[in-house]
Amino acid sequence: MPGESGPGSNERGLALRECQSLAEVRESIDAIDREIVGLLAQRGDYVRQAAVFKQTTEDVKAPQRVEAVVKKVRNLASERGAEPEVVERVYREMISAFVAQEMQEHSKKAGDE
């Protein structure tokens, strides 16, 4: 049943390798990091696409959208057994970095017009 722990799974019901050493733990974390970076690259591609549709710096900053995303991921964190505060901090930093990137693109676009 999803969400139940069992042999080889965590409290979220996801497959979890039982590591026998710190090196194995680090290998597992490194594999997750590779996936996360790939997903960040994909998210960044969509952020660049979104920038095309934004007309003003306020559209780029979109504080209401930021708060909606943060609320959504905090709920997802709770559902998935992650710490909502940690997830919120990570997302706020990530969004801030993407907004800064979008602002640079937006400035270039404004300069071309």
N, C-alpha and C. Protein backbone atom coordinates (compact mmCIF):
# COMPACT_ATOMS: atom_id res chain seq x y z
N MET A 1 0.85 -1.17 0.00
CA MET A 1 0.00 0.00 0.00
C MET A 1 0.89 1.24 0.00
N PRO A 2 0.64 2.23 -0.89
CA PRO A 2 1.47 3.43 -0.90
C PRO A 2 1.49 4.10 0.45
N GLY A 3 2.69 4.61 0.80
CA GLY A 3 2.82 5.31 2.06
C GLY A 3 3.17 4.40 3.23
N GLU A 4 3.12 3.08 3.02
CA GLU A 4 3.47 2.16 4.11
C GLU A 4 4.92 1.73 3.96
N SER A 5 5.59 1.62 5.06
CA SER A 5 6.96 1.15 5.03
C SER A 5 6.98 -0.36 4.99
N GLY A 6 7.97 -0.87 4.35
CA GLY A 6 8.17 -2.30 4.30
C GLY A 6 9.63 -2.57 4.02
N PRO A 7 10.00 -3.82 3.88
CA PRO A 7 11.39 -4.12 3.58
C PRO A 7 11.80 -3.44 2.28
N GLY A 8 12.90 -2.72 2.33
CA GLY A 8 13.41 -2.07 1.13
C GLY A 8 12.63 -0.83 0.70
N SER A 9 11.78 -0.30 1.57
CA SER A 9 11.06 0.92 1.22
C SER A 9 11.16 1.90 2.38
N ASN A 10 10.87 3.17 2.06
CA ASN A 10 10.86 4.16 3.13
C ASN A 10 9.42 4.46 3.52
N GLU A 11 9.22 5.46 4.39
CA GLU A 11 7.88 5.75 4.88
C GLU A 11 6.96 6.24 3.76
N ARG A 12 7.50 6.62 2.63
CA ARG A 12 6.70 7.05 1.50
C ARG A 12 6.40 5.90 0.55
N GLY A 13 6.86 4.70 0.88
CA GLY A 13 6.62 3.54 0.03
C GLY A 13 7.52 3.49 -1.18
N LEU A 14 8.55 4.33 -1.21
CA LEU A 14 9.47 4.34 -2.35
C LEU A 14 10.61 3.37 -2.10
N ALA A 15 11.11 2.79 -3.18
CA ALA A 15 12.23 1.86 -3.05
C ALA A 15 13.41 2.58 -2.41
N LEU A 16 13.97 1.97 -1.42
CA LEU A 16 15.09 2.56 -0.71
C LEU A 16 16.15 1.49 -0.52
N ARG A 17 17.31 1.75 -1.10
CA ARG A 17 18.41 0.82 -0.99
C ARG A 17 18.95 0.85 0.43
N GLU A 18 19.11 -0.31 1.02
CA GLU A 18 19.67 -0.40 2.37
C GLU A 18 21.19 -0.37 2.24
N CYS A 19 21.79 0.76 2.56
CA CYS A 19 23.22 0.96 2.38
C CYS A 19 24.01 0.33 3.52
N GLN A 20 25.17 -0.16 3.18
CA GLN A 20 26.04 -0.82 4.15
C GLN A 20 27.25 0.03 4.54
N SER A 21 27.37 1.21 3.90
CA SER A 21 28.51 2.08 4.22
C SER A 21 28.17 3.52 3.84
N LEU A 22 28.96 4.43 4.35
CA LEU A 22 28.79 5.83 4.00
C LEU A 22 29.01 6.02 2.50
N ALA A 23 29.95 5.29 1.93
CA ALA A 23 30.20 5.38 0.49
C ALA A 23 28.96 5.01 -0.31
N GLU A 24 28.25 3.98 0.12
CA GLU A 24 27.02 3.59 -0.57
C GLU A 24 25.93 4.66 -0.43
N VAL A 25 25.84 5.25 0.76
CA VAL A 25 24.87 6.33 0.97
C VAL A 25 25.19 7.47 0.00
N ARG A 26 26.46 7.82 -0.08
CA ARG A 26 26.87 8.92 -0.96
C ARG A 26 26.61 8.59 -2.43
N GLU A 27 26.84 7.35 -2.82
CA GLU A 27 26.54 6.94 -4.20
C GLU A 27 25.05 7.12 -4.49
N SER A 28 24.22 6.74 -3.55
CA SER A 28 22.77 6.88 -3.73
C SER A 28 22.37 8.35 -3.82
N ILE A 29 22.95 9.17 -2.97
CA ILE A 29 22.66 10.60 -3.00
C ILE A 29 23.14 11.20 -4.32
N ASP A 30 24.31 10.78 -4.79
CA ASP A 30 24.83 11.27 -6.07
C ASP A 30 23.88 10.92 -7.22
N ALA A 31 23.31 9.73 -7.19
CA ALA A 31 22.36 9.32 -8.23
C ALA A 31 21.11 10.21 -8.19
N ILE A 32 20.64 10.49 -6.99
CA ILE A 32 19.48 11.38 -6.85
C ILE A 32 19.83 12.77 -7.35
N ASP A 33 21.03 13.26 -7.01
CA ASP A 33 21.46 14.58 -7.46
C ASP A 33 21.48 14.66 -8.98
N ARG A 34 21.92 13.60 -9.66
CA ARG A 34 21.91 13.61 -11.12
C ARG A 34 20.49 13.78 -11.65
N GLU A 35 19.54 13.11 -11.03
CA GLU A 35 18.14 13.25 -11.44
C GLU A 35 17.63 14.66 -11.17
N ILE A 36 17.96 15.19 -10.00
CA ILE A 36 17.50 16.54 -9.64
C ILE A 36 18.05 17.57 -10.63
N VAL A 37 19.33 17.48 -10.97
CA VAL A 37 19.92 18.44 -11.90
C VAL A 37 19.25 18.34 -13.27
N GLY A 38 18.96 17.14 -13.70
CA GLY A 38 18.23 16.98 -14.97
C GLY A 38 16.86 17.63 -14.92
N LEU A 39 16.17 17.46 -13.81
CA LEU A 39 14.85 18.08 -13.65
C LEU A 39 14.96 19.60 -13.56
N LEU A 40 16.02 20.10 -12.92
CA LEU A 40 16.23 21.55 -12.86
C LEU A 40 16.48 22.12 -14.26
N ALA A 41 17.23 21.39 -15.06
CA ALA A 41 17.47 21.83 -16.44
C ALA A 41 16.16 21.88 -17.22
N GLN A 42 15.34 20.87 -17.04
CA GLN A 42 14.05 20.82 -17.71
C GLN A 42 13.15 21.97 -17.22
N ARG A 43 13.14 22.21 -15.92
CA ARG A 43 12.35 23.31 -15.36
C ARG A 43 12.84 24.63 -15.93
N GLY A 44 14.16 24.78 -16.02
CA GLY A 44 14.75 26.00 -16.58
C GLY A 44 14.32 26.24 -18.01
N ASP A 45 14.21 25.18 -18.79
CA ASP A 45 13.74 25.31 -20.17
C ASP A 45 12.32 25.89 -20.20
N TYR A 46 11.47 25.42 -19.30
CA TYR A 46 10.10 25.94 -19.24
C TYR A 46 10.08 27.38 -18.73
N VAL A 47 10.97 27.70 -17.80
CA VAL A 47 11.06 29.08 -17.31
C VAL A 47 11.42 30.01 -18.47
N ARG A 48 12.37 29.59 -19.31
CA ARG A 48 12.75 30.41 -20.47
C ARG A 48 11.56 30.58 -21.42
N GLN A 49 10.79 29.52 -21.60
CA GLN A 49 9.60 29.64 -22.44
C GLN A 49 8.60 30.61 -21.83
N ALA A 50 8.41 30.54 -20.53
CA ALA A 50 7.46 31.42 -19.86
C ALA A 50 7.88 32.88 -20.01
N ALA A 51 9.18 33.13 -20.00
CA ALA A 51 9.68 34.50 -20.10
C ALA A 51 9.22 35.17 -21.39
N VAL A 52 9.04 34.41 -22.43
CA VAL A 52 8.60 34.95 -23.71
C VAL A 52 7.22 35.61 -23.58
N PHE A 53 6.39 35.08 -22.71
CA PHE A 53 5.02 35.57 -22.57
C PHE A 53 4.88 36.71 -21.56
N LYS A 54 5.94 37.03 -20.87
CA LYS A 54 5.87 38.04 -19.81
C LYS A 54 6.29 39.39 -20.36
N GLN A 55 5.46 40.39 -20.11
CA GLN A 55 5.67 41.72 -20.68
C GLN A 55 6.40 42.68 -19.74
N THR A 56 6.22 42.52 -18.42
CA THR A 56 6.78 43.48 -17.46
C THR A 56 7.64 42.74 -16.44
N THR A 57 8.44 43.52 -15.71
CA THR A 57 9.24 42.92 -14.65
C THR A 57 8.35 42.35 -13.56
N GLU A 58 7.19 42.97 -13.35
CA GLU A 58 6.24 42.43 -12.35
C GLU A 58 5.73 41.06 -12.81
N ASP A 59 5.52 40.91 -14.12
CA ASP A 59 5.13 39.60 -14.66
C ASP A 59 6.21 38.56 -14.38
N VAL A 60 7.46 38.97 -14.48
CA VAL A 60 8.58 38.06 -14.23
C VAL A 60 8.63 37.69 -12.75
N LYS A 61 8.52 38.67 -11.89
CA LYS A 61 8.61 38.41 -10.45
C LYS A 61 7.41 37.61 -9.94
N ALA A 62 6.23 37.90 -10.43
CA ALA A 62 4.99 37.16 -10.15
C ALA A 62 4.88 36.66 -8.71
N PRO A 63 4.82 37.58 -7.74
CA PRO A 63 4.79 37.16 -6.34
C PRO A 63 3.61 36.25 -5.99
N GLN A 64 2.47 36.47 -6.62
CA GLN A 64 1.31 35.60 -6.33
C GLN A 64 1.58 34.18 -6.80
N ARG A 65 2.22 34.06 -7.96
CA ARG A 65 2.56 32.73 -8.49
C ARG A 65 3.58 32.05 -7.58
N VAL A 66 4.56 32.80 -7.10
CA VAL A 66 5.57 32.24 -6.19
C VAL A 66 4.88 31.66 -4.95
N GLU A 67 3.98 32.43 -4.36
CA GLU A 67 3.30 31.95 -3.16
C GLU A 67 2.43 30.74 -3.44
N ALA A 68 1.80 30.71 -4.61
CA ALA A 68 0.98 29.55 -4.99
C ALA A 68 1.85 28.30 -5.14
N VAL A 69 3.01 28.46 -5.76
CA VAL A 69 3.93 27.33 -5.94
C VAL A 69 4.42 26.85 -4.57
N VAL A 70 4.80 27.77 -3.71
CA VAL A 70 5.29 27.40 -2.38
C VAL A 70 4.21 26.65 -1.60
N LYS A 71 2.99 27.13 -1.65
CA LYS A 71 1.90 26.44 -0.96
C LYS A 71 1.73 25.03 -1.52
N LYS A 72 1.76 24.91 -2.84
CA LYS A 72 1.60 23.60 -3.49
C LYS A 72 2.70 22.63 -3.08
N VAL A 73 3.96 23.08 -3.09
CA VAL A 73 5.05 22.16 -2.77
C VAL A 73 5.11 21.83 -1.28
N ARG A 74 4.68 22.75 -0.43
CA ARG A 74 4.59 22.42 1.00
C ARG A 74 3.57 21.30 1.21
N ASN A 75 2.43 21.39 0.52
CA ASN A 75 1.43 20.32 0.61
C ASN A 75 1.98 19.01 0.07
N LEU A 76 2.66 19.08 -1.07
CA LEU A 76 3.27 17.87 -1.63
C LEU A 76 4.29 17.27 -0.67
N ALA A 77 5.07 18.14 -0.03
CA ALA A 77 6.07 17.67 0.93
C ALA A 77 5.39 16.91 2.07
N SER A 78 4.32 17.47 2.59
CA SER A 78 3.59 16.80 3.67
C SER A 78 3.05 15.45 3.22
N GLU A 79 2.49 15.41 2.01
CA GLU A 79 1.94 14.15 1.49
C GLU A 79 3.02 13.10 1.27
N ARG A 80 4.23 13.55 0.91
CA ARG A 80 5.30 12.61 0.55
C ARG A 80 6.26 12.31 1.70
N GLY A 81 6.01 12.90 2.85
CA GLY A 81 6.87 12.61 4.00
C GLY A 81 8.14 13.43 4.06
N ALA A 82 8.20 14.52 3.30
CA ALA A 82 9.35 15.42 3.35
C ALA A 82 9.05 16.54 4.34
N GLU A 83 10.06 17.23 4.78
CA GLU A 83 9.90 18.35 5.70
C GLU A 83 9.43 19.58 4.92
N PRO A 84 8.21 20.05 5.15
CA PRO A 84 7.70 21.20 4.39
C PRO A 84 8.59 22.44 4.48
N GLU A 85 9.19 22.69 5.64
CA GLU A 85 10.05 23.87 5.78
C GLU A 85 11.28 23.77 4.89
N VAL A 86 11.86 22.59 4.82
CA VAL A 86 13.05 22.39 3.98
C VAL A 86 12.67 22.56 2.51
N VAL A 87 11.57 21.95 2.12
CA VAL A 87 11.12 22.04 0.73
C VAL A 87 10.82 23.50 0.37
N GLU A 88 10.18 24.21 1.28
CA GLU A 88 9.89 25.63 1.01
C GLU A 88 11.17 26.41 0.82
N ARG A 89 12.15 26.23 1.68
CA ARG A 89 13.41 26.98 1.56
C ARG A 89 14.11 26.67 0.24
N VAL A 90 14.13 25.39 -0.13
CA VAL A 90 14.77 25.00 -1.39
C VAL A 90 14.04 25.65 -2.57
N TYR A 91 12.71 25.58 -2.54
CA TYR A 91 11.94 26.16 -3.64
C TYR A 91 12.08 27.67 -3.72
N ARG A 92 12.08 28.33 -2.59
CA ARG A 92 12.23 29.79 -2.62
C ARG A 92 13.58 30.18 -3.22
N GLU A 93 14.63 29.47 -2.86
CA GLU A 93 15.95 29.75 -3.43
C GLU A 93 15.98 29.45 -4.92
N MET A 94 15.40 28.31 -5.31
CA MET A 94 15.38 27.93 -6.72
C MET A 94 14.60 28.96 -7.53
N ILE A 95 13.42 29.34 -7.04
CA ILE A 95 12.60 30.31 -7.75
C ILE A 95 13.33 31.64 -7.86
N SER A 96 13.98 32.05 -6.80
CA SER A 96 14.74 33.30 -6.80
C SER A 96 15.82 33.27 -7.89
N ALA A 97 16.51 32.17 -8.01
CA ALA A 97 17.56 32.04 -9.03
C ALA A 97 16.96 32.08 -10.43
N PHE A 98 15.84 31.39 -10.63
CA PHE A 98 15.20 31.40 -11.94
C PHE A 98 14.64 32.79 -12.27
N VAL A 99 14.09 33.49 -11.28
CA VAL A 99 13.59 34.84 -11.52
C VAL A 99 14.74 35.76 -11.91
N ALA A 100 15.88 35.64 -11.25
CA ALA A 100 17.05 36.45 -11.60
C ALA A 100 17.47 36.17 -13.04
N GLN A 101 17.44 34.91 -13.43
CA GLN A 101 17.79 34.54 -14.81
C GLN A 101 16.77 35.15 -15.78
N GLU A 102 15.50 35.04 -15.43
CA GLU A 102 14.43 35.61 -16.27
C GLU A 102 14.58 37.13 -16.38
N MET A 103 14.94 37.77 -15.28
CA MET A 103 15.09 39.23 -15.30
C MET A 103 16.20 39.63 -16.27
N GLN A 104 17.28 38.85 -16.31
CA GLN A 104 18.36 39.14 -17.27
C GLN A 104 17.84 39.00 -18.70
N GLU A 105 17.10 37.93 -18.96
CA GLU A 105 16.52 37.72 -20.29
C GLU A 105 15.54 38.83 -20.63
N HIS A 106 14.73 39.20 -19.65
CA HIS A 106 13.74 40.25 -19.86
C HIS A 106 14.43 41.57 -20.18
N SER A 107 15.53 41.88 -19.49
CA SER A 107 16.28 43.11 -19.74
C SER A 107 16.85 43.11 -21.15
N LYS A 108 17.37 41.97 -21.58
CA LYS A 108 17.90 41.86 -22.95
C LYS A 108 16.79 42.09 -23.97
N LYS A 109 15.65 41.47 -23.70
CA LYS A 109 14.50 41.60 -24.60
C LYS A 109 14.05 43.06 -24.68
N ALA A 110 14.00 43.74 -23.54
CA ALA A 110 13.58 45.14 -23.48
C ALA A 110 14.58 46.01 -24.22
N GLY A 111 15.86 45.65 -24.15
CA GLY A 111 16.89 46.40 -24.85
C GLY A 111 16.83 46.24 -26.35
N ASP A 112 16.30 45.11 -26.80
CA ASP A 112 16.19 44.84 -28.24
C ASP A 112 15.02 45.60 -28.86
N GLU A 113 14.07 46.00 -28.03
CA GLU A 113 12.85 46.65 -28.57
C GLU A 113 13.05 48.13 -28.77
